[in-house]
Protein backbone atom coordinates (compact mmCIF):
# COMPACT_ATOMS: atom_id res chain seq x y z
CA MET A 1 82.23 122.13 54.98
CA ALA A 2 83.12 125.14 57.23
CA ARG A 3 81.58 123.38 60.25
CA SER A 4 83.83 119.90 59.74
CA SER A 5 86.71 122.45 59.45
CA ASN A 6 85.66 124.25 62.83
CA LYS A 7 85.05 120.78 64.65
CA THR A 8 88.66 119.52 63.41
CA THR A 9 90.39 122.62 64.33
CA LEU A 10 88.71 122.65 67.98
CA LEU A 11 89.75 119.11 68.59
CA PHE A 12 93.21 119.82 67.33
CA ASN A 13 93.32 122.96 69.74
CA LEU A 14 92.17 120.83 72.69
CA ALA A 15 94.46 117.93 71.98
CA LEU A 16 97.52 120.27 71.75
CA MET A 17 96.55 122.03 75.13
CA LEU A 18 96.11 118.70 76.84
CA SER A 19 99.54 117.64 75.45
CA PHE A 20 100.99 120.78 76.87
CA LEU A 21 99.62 120.43 80.24
CA LEU A 22 101.17 116.74 80.42
CA ILE A 23 104.32 118.03 79.39
CA ALA A 24 104.26 120.80 82.15
CA SER A 25 103.16 118.53 84.61
CA VAL A 26 105.77 115.81 83.81
CA VAL A 27 108.59 118.90 84.03
CA GLN A 28 107.19 119.87 87.41
CA SER A 29 107.45 116.09 88.62
CA ARG A 30 103.82 116.56 89.39
CA SER A 31 100.87 114.53 88.56
CA VAL A 32 97.99 116.38 86.83
CA LEU A 33 95.78 115.73 89.88
CA GLY A 34 98.11 118.00 92.11
CA ARG A 35 99.91 115.17 93.93
CA ALA A 36 103.60 115.74 94.95
CA ALA A 37 106.07 113.28 94.11
CA ALA A 38 107.42 111.63 97.20
CA SER A 39 110.60 112.88 98.37
CA THR A 40 113.35 110.55 100.47
CA PRO A 41 114.19 111.84 103.44
CA GLU A 42 117.94 112.41 103.92
CA CYS A 43 119.50 111.89 107.54
CA VAL A 44 121.94 114.49 108.47
CA SER A 45 122.50 113.02 111.94
CA VAL A 46 122.11 109.89 114.07
CA HIS A 47 119.74 109.99 117.29
CA GLY A 48 120.50 107.21 119.73
CA VAL A 49 116.90 106.32 121.31
CA VAL A 50 117.05 106.12 125.23
CA THR A 51 114.70 105.09 127.64
CA GLY A 52 111.80 107.37 127.80
CA ASP A 53 111.96 108.63 124.16
CA THR A 54 108.66 108.54 122.63
CA CYS A 55 108.08 108.87 118.64
CA SER A 56 106.70 111.96 118.84
CA ALA A 57 109.14 113.54 120.83
CA VAL A 58 111.84 112.55 118.49
CA GLU A 59 109.69 113.82 115.64
CA LYS A 60 109.40 116.98 117.24
CA GLN A 61 113.06 117.14 118.29
CA PHE A 62 114.15 116.87 114.60
CA ASP A 63 111.06 118.51 112.96
CA LEU A 64 109.84 115.56 111.28
CA THR A 65 106.39 114.30 110.20
CA ALA A 66 105.04 110.94 111.35
CA ASN A 67 105.35 109.85 107.68
CA ASP A 68 109.20 110.83 107.62
CA PHE A 69 109.92 109.40 110.95
CA LYS A 70 108.54 106.19 109.97
CA ALA A 71 110.21 106.18 106.54
CA ILE A 72 113.69 106.53 108.36
CA VAL A 73 113.23 103.94 111.03
CA GLU A 74 111.57 100.87 111.61
CA VAL A 75 108.62 102.01 113.76
CA ARG A 76 106.89 99.71 116.63
CA PRO A 77 103.01 99.45 116.03
CA ASN A 78 102.80 100.99 119.27
CA CYS A 79 104.20 104.19 117.95
């Protein structure tokens, strides 16, 4: 009888710990695997593209990653 009680207690504790981790993960807005939630870039200024501008130059000028840059503007395939 004691073994059955120990197994039940162990399973209950395991379920409780997994529930706690899931709740903590939701509160932190991250998945259990550690992937961060995607953020939406915020535009604080407008840049008019001129002849000679390259995607990488604009990314560097405004301290953007390539993914952030592509999320903000419609990028041509050759960028």
